[in-house]
Amino acid sequence: MSAFAKSSPAFDRAVMASNNPSDIAEIARHYVEGTDPRALEPEPSAALPTASTPAPETCVRVIYPHGNARFEIFGVSEADLDAQEKKIREMYGQR
């Protein structure tokens, strides 16, 4: 017989839901002993809030106009990004 207990999806969920080592040890002990079924049911996690409206700037571009100079530019359209990129490259004497 193996010295290791078989895992189960419920046990895996309970362990993954906990970020405290002592809680994980308790969950494992109860699972091996089969004494606490609540240890296998993780508490429901709160749903993350979602934005009700999309962000106005949905286009992103990363440019390196000179050496390691990095710019992340955001805009509402590709044309907007082109205009911003042109201004940045003009600062560095390009184009």
C-alpha atoms as a PDB file:
ATOM      1  CA  MET A   1       0.000   0.000   0.000  1.00  0.00           C
ATOM      2  CA  SER A   2       1.236   3.469  -0.843  1.00  0.00           C
ATOM      3  CA  ALA A   3       2.114   5.953   1.893  1.00  0.00           C
ATOM      4  CA  PHE A   4       0.452   8.700  -0.126  1.00  0.00           C
ATOM      5  CA  ALA A   5      -3.286   9.393  -0.208  1.00  0.00           C
ATOM      6  CA  LYS A   6      -4.971   9.730  -3.570  1.00  0.00           C
ATOM      7  CA  SER A   7      -6.036  13.207  -4.489  1.00  0.00           C
ATOM      8  CA  SER A   8      -9.487  14.257  -5.569  1.00  0.00           C
ATOM      9  CA  PRO A   9     -10.853  17.299  -7.390  1.00  0.00           C
ATOM     10  CA  ALA A  10     -12.525  18.539  -4.184  1.00  0.00           C
ATOM     11  CA  PHE A  11      -9.258  18.227  -2.242  1.00  0.00           C
ATOM     12  CA  ASP A  12      -7.340  20.003  -5.009  1.00  0.00           C
ATOM     13  CA  ARG A  13      -9.876  22.866  -5.040  1.00  0.00           C
ATOM     14  CA  ALA A  14      -9.697  23.214  -1.257  1.00  0.00           C
ATOM     15  CA  VAL A  15      -5.896  23.368  -1.273  1.00  0.00           C
ATOM     16  CA  MET A  16      -5.784  25.817  -4.186  1.00  0.00           C
ATOM     17  CA  ALA A  17      -8.343  28.088  -2.498  1.00  0.00           C
ATOM     18  CA  SER A  18      -6.165  28.437   0.607  1.00  0.00           C
ATOM     19  CA  ASN A  19      -3.020  30.521   0.793  1.00  0.00           C
ATOM     20  CA  ASN A  20      -2.186  29.799   4.430  1.00  0.00           C
ATOM     21  CA  PRO A  21       0.189  26.849   5.031  1.00  0.00           C
ATOM     22  CA  SER A  22      -1.436  25.919   8.339  1.00  0.00           C
ATOM     23  CA  ASP A  23      -4.877  25.805   6.659  1.00  0.00           C
ATOM     24  CA  ILE A  24      -3.486  23.555   3.933  1.00  0.00           C
ATOM     25  CA  ALA A  25      -2.038  21.234   6.583  1.00  0.00           C
ATOM     26  CA  GLU A  26      -5.437  21.069   8.318  1.00  0.00           C
ATOM     27  CA  ILE A  27      -7.213  20.372   5.029  1.00  0.00           C
ATOM     28  CA  ALA A  28      -4.751  17.562   4.248  1.00  0.00           C
ATOM     29  CA  ARG A  29      -5.048  16.058   7.738  1.00  0.00           C
ATOM     30  CA  HIS A  30      -8.850  16.049   7.590  1.00  0.00           C
ATOM     31  CA  TYR A  31      -8.793  14.630   4.071  1.00  0.00           C
ATOM     32  CA  VAL A  32      -6.500  11.742   5.042  1.00  0.00           C
ATOM     33  CA  GLU A  33      -8.522  11.008   8.188  1.00  0.00           C
ATOM     34  CA  GLY A  34     -11.816  11.497   6.383  1.00  0.00           C
ATOM     35  CA  THR A  35     -13.154  13.401   9.382  1.00  0.00           C
ATOM     36  CA  ASP A  36     -14.107  16.843   8.115  1.00  0.00           C
ATOM     37  CA  PRO A  37     -16.018  17.069   4.845  1.00  0.00           C
ATOM     38  CA  ARG A  38     -16.183  20.879   5.206  1.00  0.00           C
ATOM     39  CA  ALA A  39     -12.429  20.986   4.639  1.00  0.00           C
ATOM     40  CA  LEU A  40     -13.032  19.773   1.108  1.00  0.00           C
ATOM     41  CA  GLU A  41     -15.510  22.525   0.279  1.00  0.00           C
ATOM     42  CA  PRO A  42     -13.734  25.831  -0.231  1.00  0.00           C
ATOM     43  CA  GLU A  43     -15.600  29.001   0.595  1.00  0.00           C
ATOM     44  CA  PRO A  44     -17.033  30.614  -2.514  1.00  0.00           C
ATOM     45  CA  SER A  45     -14.769  33.363  -3.706  1.00  0.00           C
ATOM     46  CA  ALA A  46     -16.207  36.765  -4.406  1.00  0.00           C
ATOM     47  CA  ALA A  47     -16.683  37.442  -8.089  1.00  0.00           C
ATOM     48  CA  LEU A  48     -14.423  40.105  -9.504  1.00  0.00           C
ATOM     49  CA  PRO A  49     -16.284  43.215 -10.565  1.00  0.00           C
ATOM     50  CA  THR A  50     -16.369  43.821 -14.283  1.00  0.00           C
ATOM     51  CA  ALA A  51     -16.406  47.158 -16.005  1.00  0.00           C
ATOM     52  CA  SER A  52     -19.842  48.149 -17.171  1.00  0.00           C
ATOM     53  CA  THR A  53     -18.446  50.174 -20.071  1.00  0.00           C
ATOM     54  CA  PRO A  54     -15.381  49.420 -22.162  1.00  0.00           C
ATOM     55  CA  ALA A  55     -12.313  51.592 -21.730  1.00  0.00           C
ATOM     56  CA  PRO A  56     -12.255  54.517 -24.145  1.00  0.00           C
ATOM     57  CA  GLU A  57      -8.672  53.745 -25.182  1.00  0.00           C
ATOM     58  CA  THR A  58      -8.774  50.274 -26.682  1.00  0.00           C
ATOM     59  CA  CYS A  59      -5.684  50.387 -28.922  1.00  0.00           C
ATOM     60  CA  VAL A  60      -2.196  49.881 -27.525  1.00  0.00           C
ATOM     61  CA  ARG A  61       1.223  50.110 -29.129  1.00  0.00           C
ATOM     62  CA  VAL A  62       4.741  49.807 -27.745  1.00  0.00           C
ATOM     63  CA  ILE A  63       7.510  51.654 -29.561  1.00  0.00           C
ATOM     64  CA  TYR A  64      11.249  52.007 -29.067  1.00  0.00           C
ATOM     65  CA  PRO A  65      12.156  55.249 -30.854  1.00  0.00           C
ATOM     66  CA  HIS A  66      15.794  55.325 -29.704  1.00  0.00           C
ATOM     67  CA  GLY A  67      17.877  52.685 -27.933  1.00  0.00           C
ATOM     68  CA  ASN A  68      16.125  51.393 -24.845  1.00  0.00           C
ATOM     69  CA  ALA A  69      13.627  54.271 -24.683  1.00  0.00           C
ATOM     70  CA  ARG A  70      10.282  52.507 -24.445  1.00  0.00           C
ATOM     71  CA  PHE A  71       6.888  54.131 -24.866  1.00  0.00           C
ATOM     72  CA  GLU A  72       3.514  52.492 -24.357  1.00  0.00           C
ATOM     73  CA  ILE A  73       0.930  54.565 -26.148  1.00  0.00           C
ATOM     74  CA  PHE A  74      -2.825  54.182 -25.852  1.00  0.00           C
ATOM     75  CA  GLY A  75      -5.512  55.516 -28.138  1.00  0.00           C
ATOM     76  CA  VAL A  76      -9.016  55.078 -29.462  1.00  0.00           C
ATOM     77  CA  SER A  77      -7.896  54.102 -32.974  1.00  0.00           C
ATOM     78  CA  GLU A  78      -4.864  53.114 -35.006  1.00  0.00           C
ATOM     79  CA  ALA A  79      -4.832  56.615 -36.523  1.00  0.00           C
ATOM     80  CA  ASP A  80      -4.596  58.084 -33.031  1.00  0.00           C
ATOM     81  CA  LEU A  81      -1.668  55.795 -32.261  1.00  0.00           C
ATOM     82  CA  ASP A  82       0.020  56.783 -35.528  1.00  0.00           C
ATOM     83  CA  ALA A  83      -0.253  60.489 -34.620  1.00  0.00           C
ATOM     84  CA  GLN A  84       1.161  59.903 -31.127  1.00  0.00           C
ATOM     85  CA  GLU A  85       3.986  57.776 -32.478  1.00  0.00           C
ATOM     86  CA  LYS A  86       4.849  60.453 -35.046  1.00  0.00           C
ATOM     87  CA  LYS A  87       5.132  63.103 -32.295  1.00  0.00           C
ATOM     88  CA  ILE A  88       7.354  60.881 -30.149  1.00  0.00           C
ATOM     89  CA  ARG A  89       9.633  59.973 -33.059  1.00  0.00           C
ATOM     90  CA  GLU A  90       9.923  63.673 -33.984  1.00  0.00           C
ATOM     91  CA  MET A  91      11.217  64.339 -30.443  1.00  0.00           C
ATOM     92  CA  TYR A  92      14.049  61.929 -31.193  1.00  0.00           C
ATOM     93  CA  GLY A  93      14.728  63.399 -34.631  1.00  0.00           C
ATOM     94  CA  GLN A  94      13.283  60.520 -36.610  1.00  0.00           C
ATOM     95  CA  ARG A  95      10.976  60.686 -39.652  1.00  0.00           C
END
